[in-house]
């Protein structure tokens, strides 16, 4: 077996003092950059709108390649999620906190359970 030997410069670590100095940008490049970023943002917004409209069509199309059982399961899951959301929306924050406090009050406290360990038994 032959060993490969690294013959080259020193390794560069993060925070090393031998940092390269950055070149200053000219004002014209800043203007071009601002103009190009505005165009990029506009393109992104249009793509997002197109994706969101195609997503609703994809949901309908995706059910076409599903079996009947998968469709029923998906509908059940959506219905269950809808009911869960309605139940959450019906309760105010105060009611949810009171319900949580009642539940925590019914539980045993950690301090009531004695600690069991081999150390200190004698």
Protein backbone atom coordinates (compact mmCIF):
# COMPACT_ATOMS: atom_id res chain seq x y z
CA UNK A 1 0.00 0.00 0.00
CA UNK A 2 1.19 3.44 -0.82
CA UNK A 3 0.46 6.37 1.44
CA UNK A 4 -0.72 9.56 -0.14
CA UNK A 5 1.14 12.55 1.16
CA UNK A 6 -0.37 16.00 1.25
CA UNK A 7 2.05 18.48 -0.21
CA UNK A 8 0.63 21.95 -0.30
CA UNK A 9 -0.09 25.13 1.56
CA UNK A 10 -1.31 25.53 5.10
CA UNK A 11 -4.90 24.83 6.09
CA UNK A 12 -7.33 27.71 6.41
CA UNK A 13 -9.41 27.76 9.59
CA UNK A 14 -12.45 29.82 10.48
CA UNK A 15 -11.49 33.09 12.09
CA UNK A 16 -7.95 32.85 10.75
CA UNK A 17 -6.08 36.16 10.70
CA UNK A 18 -5.17 35.73 7.02
CA UNK A 19 -8.52 36.91 5.69
CA UNK A 20 -8.80 38.18 2.17
CA UNK A 21 -9.82 41.79 1.83
CA UNK A 22 -13.10 42.34 0.04
CA UNK A 23 -13.28 44.66 -2.92
CA UNK A 24 -15.52 47.68 -2.61
CA UNK A 25 -18.48 47.77 -4.94
CA UNK A 26 -19.06 50.76 -7.14
CA UNK A 27 -22.25 52.78 -6.91
CA UNK A 28 -23.38 51.64 -10.33
CA UNK A 29 -23.26 48.00 -9.27
CA UNK A 30 -25.39 48.86 -6.23
CA UNK A 31 -27.99 50.42 -8.48
CA UNK A 32 -27.94 47.38 -10.75
CA UNK A 33 -28.19 45.13 -7.73
CA UNK A 34 -31.23 46.98 -6.36
CA UNK A 35 -32.90 46.87 -9.75
CA UNK A 36 -32.16 43.17 -10.25
CA UNK A 37 -33.37 42.22 -6.76
CA UNK A 38 -36.68 43.96 -7.41
CA UNK A 39 -37.05 41.94 -10.61
CA UNK A 40 -36.13 38.72 -8.81
CA UNK A 41 -38.68 39.38 -6.06
CA UNK A 42 -41.37 40.07 -8.65
CA UNK A 43 -40.56 36.82 -10.47
CA UNK A 44 -40.64 34.88 -7.19
CA UNK A 45 -44.01 36.34 -6.28
CA UNK A 46 -45.44 35.34 -9.65
CA UNK A 47 -44.02 31.81 -9.32
CA UNK A 48 -45.52 31.47 -5.83
CA UNK A 49 -48.92 32.54 -7.13
CA UNK A 50 -48.66 30.03 -9.95
CA UNK A 51 -47.60 27.28 -7.53
CA UNK A 52 -50.47 28.00 -5.13
CA UNK A 53 -53.02 27.85 -7.94
CA UNK A 54 -51.49 24.66 -9.31
CA UNK A 55 -51.46 23.14 -5.80
CA UNK A 56 -55.23 23.18 -5.59
CA UNK A 57 -55.36 21.45 -8.97
CA UNK A 58 -52.69 18.96 -7.80
CA UNK A 59 -54.84 18.01 -4.79
CA UNK A 60 -57.67 17.09 -7.10
CA UNK A 61 -55.33 15.29 -9.50
CA UNK A 62 -53.59 13.40 -6.70
CA UNK A 63 -56.87 11.79 -5.65
CA UNK A 64 -57.23 10.32 -9.14
CA UNK A 65 -54.30 7.96 -8.69
CA UNK A 66 -55.47 6.89 -5.21
CA UNK A 67 -57.46 3.80 -4.43
CA UNK A 68 -60.94 4.12 -3.01
CA UNK A 69 -59.73 3.19 0.48
CA UNK A 70 -56.97 5.82 0.34
CA UNK A 71 -59.51 8.46 -0.71
CA UNK A 72 -61.84 7.54 2.16
CA UNK A 73 -58.93 7.63 4.64
CA UNK A 74 -57.85 11.02 3.34
CA UNK A 75 -61.40 12.38 3.65
CA UNK A 76 -61.71 10.97 7.19
CA UNK A 77 -58.38 12.55 8.15
CA UNK A 78 -59.47 15.93 6.76
CA UNK A 79 -62.83 15.71 8.54
CA UNK A 80 -61.15 14.76 11.84
CA UNK A 81 -58.73 17.68 11.48
CA UNK A 82 -61.59 20.07 10.71
CA UNK A 83 -63.51 18.95 13.83
CA UNK A 84 -60.39 19.24 15.95
CA UNK A 85 -59.80 22.79 14.69
CA UNK A 86 -63.41 23.72 15.44
CA UNK A 87 -63.12 22.36 18.98
CA UNK A 88 -59.95 24.37 19.56
CA UNK A 89 -61.55 27.51 18.13
CA UNK A 90 -64.61 27.16 20.39
CA UNK A 91 -62.57 27.37 23.60
CA UNK A 92 -60.95 30.56 24.76
CA UNK A 93 -57.41 30.63 26.04
CA UNK A 94 -58.67 30.98 29.59
CA UNK A 95 -60.83 27.85 29.27
CA UNK A 96 -57.92 25.85 27.87
CA UNK A 97 -55.66 26.96 30.74
CA UNK A 98 -58.33 26.05 33.33
CA UNK A 99 -58.78 22.64 31.71
CA UNK A 100 -55.03 22.04 31.79
CA UNK A 101 -54.82 23.09 35.43
CA UNK A 102 -57.66 20.71 36.33
CA UNK A 103 -55.85 17.88 34.55
CA UNK A 104 -52.55 18.67 36.25
CA UNK A 105 -54.34 18.87 39.61
CA UNK A 106 -55.67 15.36 39.18
CA UNK A 107 -52.19 13.93 38.57
CA UNK A 108 -49.94 12.78 41.38
CA UNK A 109 -47.13 15.15 42.19
CA UNK A 110 -43.53 14.15 41.75
CA UNK A 111 -42.75 14.90 45.38
CA UNK A 112 -45.29 12.32 46.56
CA UNK A 113 -43.29 9.47 45.02
CA UNK A 114 -40.36 8.48 47.25
CA UNK A 115 -36.99 8.15 45.63
CA UNK A 116 -35.69 4.61 45.42
CA UNK A 117 -31.97 4.03 45.10
CA UNK A 118 -29.37 1.51 46.22
CA UNK A 119 -27.18 4.24 47.70
CA UNK A 120 -28.02 5.19 51.27
CA UNK A 121 -29.93 2.03 52.12
CA UNK A 122 -27.47 1.01 54.64
